[in-house]
C-alpha atoms as a PDB file:
ATOM      1  CA  MET A   1      77.138 103.734  84.692  1.00  0.00           C
ATOM      2  CA  THR A   2      79.254 106.826  84.093  1.00  0.00           C
ATOM      3  CA  SER A   3      82.707 106.895  85.613  1.00  0.00           C
ATOM      4  CA  ALA A   4      83.938 110.003  87.399  1.00  0.00           C
ATOM      5  CA  LEU A   5      87.289 109.431  85.702  1.00  0.00           C
ATOM      6  CA  ILE A   6      85.848 110.294  82.271  1.00  0.00           C
ATOM      7  CA  ALA A   7      85.348 113.942  83.252  1.00  0.00           C
ATOM      8  CA  SER A   8      88.512 114.140  85.333  1.00  0.00           C
ATOM      9  CA  GLY A   9      90.831 117.100  84.960  1.00  0.00           C
ATOM     10  CA  LEU A  10      93.689 114.824  86.011  1.00  0.00           C
ATOM     11  CA  PHE A  11      93.095 112.056  83.481  1.00  0.00           C
ATOM     12  CA  GLY A  12      91.566 114.200  80.727  1.00  0.00           C
ATOM     13  CA  GLN A  13      90.258 112.233  77.760  1.00  0.00           C
ATOM     14  CA  GLN A  14      92.242 109.079  78.547  1.00  0.00           C
ATOM     15  CA  PHE A  15      89.117 107.224  79.593  1.00  0.00           C
ATOM     16  CA  GLY A  16      87.133 108.500  76.613  1.00  0.00           C
ATOM     17  CA  ASP A  17      88.633 105.692  74.500  1.00  0.00           C
ATOM     18  CA  ALA A  18      86.221 102.741  74.417  1.00  0.00           C
ATOM     19  CA  GLY A  19      88.969 100.145  74.938  1.00  0.00           C
ATOM     20  CA  VAL A  20      90.442 101.914  77.941  1.00  0.00           C
ATOM     21  CA  ALA A  21      87.010 102.595  79.391  1.00  0.00           C
ATOM     22  CA  ALA A  22      86.136  98.890  79.063  1.00  0.00           C
ATOM     23  CA  GLU A  23      89.278  97.905  80.977  1.00  0.00           C
ATOM     24  CA  PHE A  24      88.240 100.180  83.844  1.00  0.00           C
ATOM     25  CA  SER A  25      84.530  99.320  83.752  1.00  0.00           C
ATOM     26  CA  VAL A  26      82.600  98.043  86.747  1.00  0.00           C
ATOM     27  CA  GLU A  27      82.474  94.578  85.199  1.00  0.00           C
ATOM     28  CA  ALA A  28      86.225  94.434  84.527  1.00  0.00           C
ATOM     29  CA  PHE A  29      87.032  95.771  87.993  1.00  0.00           C
ATOM     30  CA  GLY A  30      84.718  93.222  89.615  1.00  0.00           C
ATOM     31  CA  ALA A  31      86.227  90.350  87.626  1.00  0.00           C
ATOM     32  CA  ARG A  32      89.752  91.356  88.613  1.00  0.00           C
ATOM     33  CA  MET A  33      88.741  91.778  92.241  1.00  0.00           C
ATOM     34  CA  LEU A  34      87.229  88.273  92.301  1.00  0.00           C
ATOM     35  CA  ALA A  35      90.318  86.814  90.605  1.00  0.00           C
ATOM     36  CA  PHE A  36      92.529  88.428  93.262  1.00  0.00           C
ATOM     37  CA  GLU A  37      90.340  87.156  96.102  1.00  0.00           C
ATOM     38  CA  ALA A  38      90.402  83.617  94.675  1.00  0.00           C
ATOM     39  CA  ALA A  39      94.201  83.684  94.308  1.00  0.00           C
ATOM     40  CA  TRP A  40      94.602  85.126  97.815  1.00  0.00           C
ATOM     41  CA  THR A  41      92.402  82.408  99.314  1.00  0.00           C
ATOM     42  CA  ARG A  42      94.288  79.661  97.448  1.00  0.00           C
ATOM     43  CA  ALA A  43      97.577  81.048  98.775  1.00  0.00           C
ATOM     44  CA  LEU A  44      96.226  81.163 102.319  1.00  0.00           C
ATOM     45  CA  ALA A  45      95.025  77.573 101.998  1.00  0.00           C
ATOM     46  CA  ARG A  46      98.425  76.417 100.696  1.00  0.00           C
ATOM     47  CA  THR A  47     100.171  77.962 103.697  1.00  0.00           C
ATOM     48  CA  GLY A  48      97.632  76.527 106.120  1.00  0.00           C
ATOM     49  CA  ALA A  49      96.364  79.950 107.196  1.00  0.00           C
ATOM     50  CA  VAL A  50      92.811  78.873 106.335  1.00  0.00           C
ATOM     51  CA  SER A  51      91.362  75.392 106.121  1.00  0.00           C
ATOM     52  CA  ALA A  52      90.833  73.755 102.738  1.00  0.00           C
ATOM     53  CA  GLY A  53      87.102  73.731 103.458  1.00  0.00           C
ATOM     54  CA  ASP A  54      87.088  77.476 104.019  1.00  0.00           C
ATOM     55  CA  ALA A  55      89.051  77.881 100.800  1.00  0.00           C
ATOM     56  CA  GLY A  56      86.328  75.995  98.930  1.00  0.00           C
ATOM     57  CA  ARG A  57      88.395  73.073  97.760  1.00  0.00           C
ATOM     58  CA  PRO A  58      88.888  69.474  98.848  1.00  0.00           C
ATOM     59  CA  PRO A  59      91.455  68.882 101.593  1.00  0.00           C
ATOM     60  CA  ARG A  60      95.043  68.078 100.682  1.00  0.00           C
ATOM     61  CA  SER A  61      96.379  64.569 101.136  1.00  0.00           C
ATOM     62  CA  THR A  62      99.080  65.880 103.480  1.00  0.00           C
ATOM     63  CA  PRO A  63      98.174  67.741 106.668  1.00  0.00           C
ATOM     64  CA  ALA A  64      98.442  71.511 106.518  1.00  0.00           C
ATOM     65  CA  ARG A  65     100.992  73.322 108.615  1.00  0.00           C
ATOM     66  CA  PRO A  66      99.499  75.030 111.654  1.00  0.00           C
ATOM     67  CA  ALA A  67      98.651  78.674 111.151  1.00  0.00           C
ATOM     68  CA  ARG A  68     100.994  81.193 112.686  1.00  0.00           C
ATOM     69  CA  THR A  69      99.548  83.362 115.414  1.00  0.00           C
END
């Protein structure tokens, strides 16, 4: 898939470098997005904003604090 950034007047040839292009590839972007979502969900589970089951992990041994509304 060709990125619109490669032909950008703003970014010029910056994304023409194979290493830089790989860092901004669809695969790299998707992996970083999933890593963020996983970290966000773990943080929400730790604060009790979502249940451990919704976070995809076993429940804690101590009860979670009630979610703020």
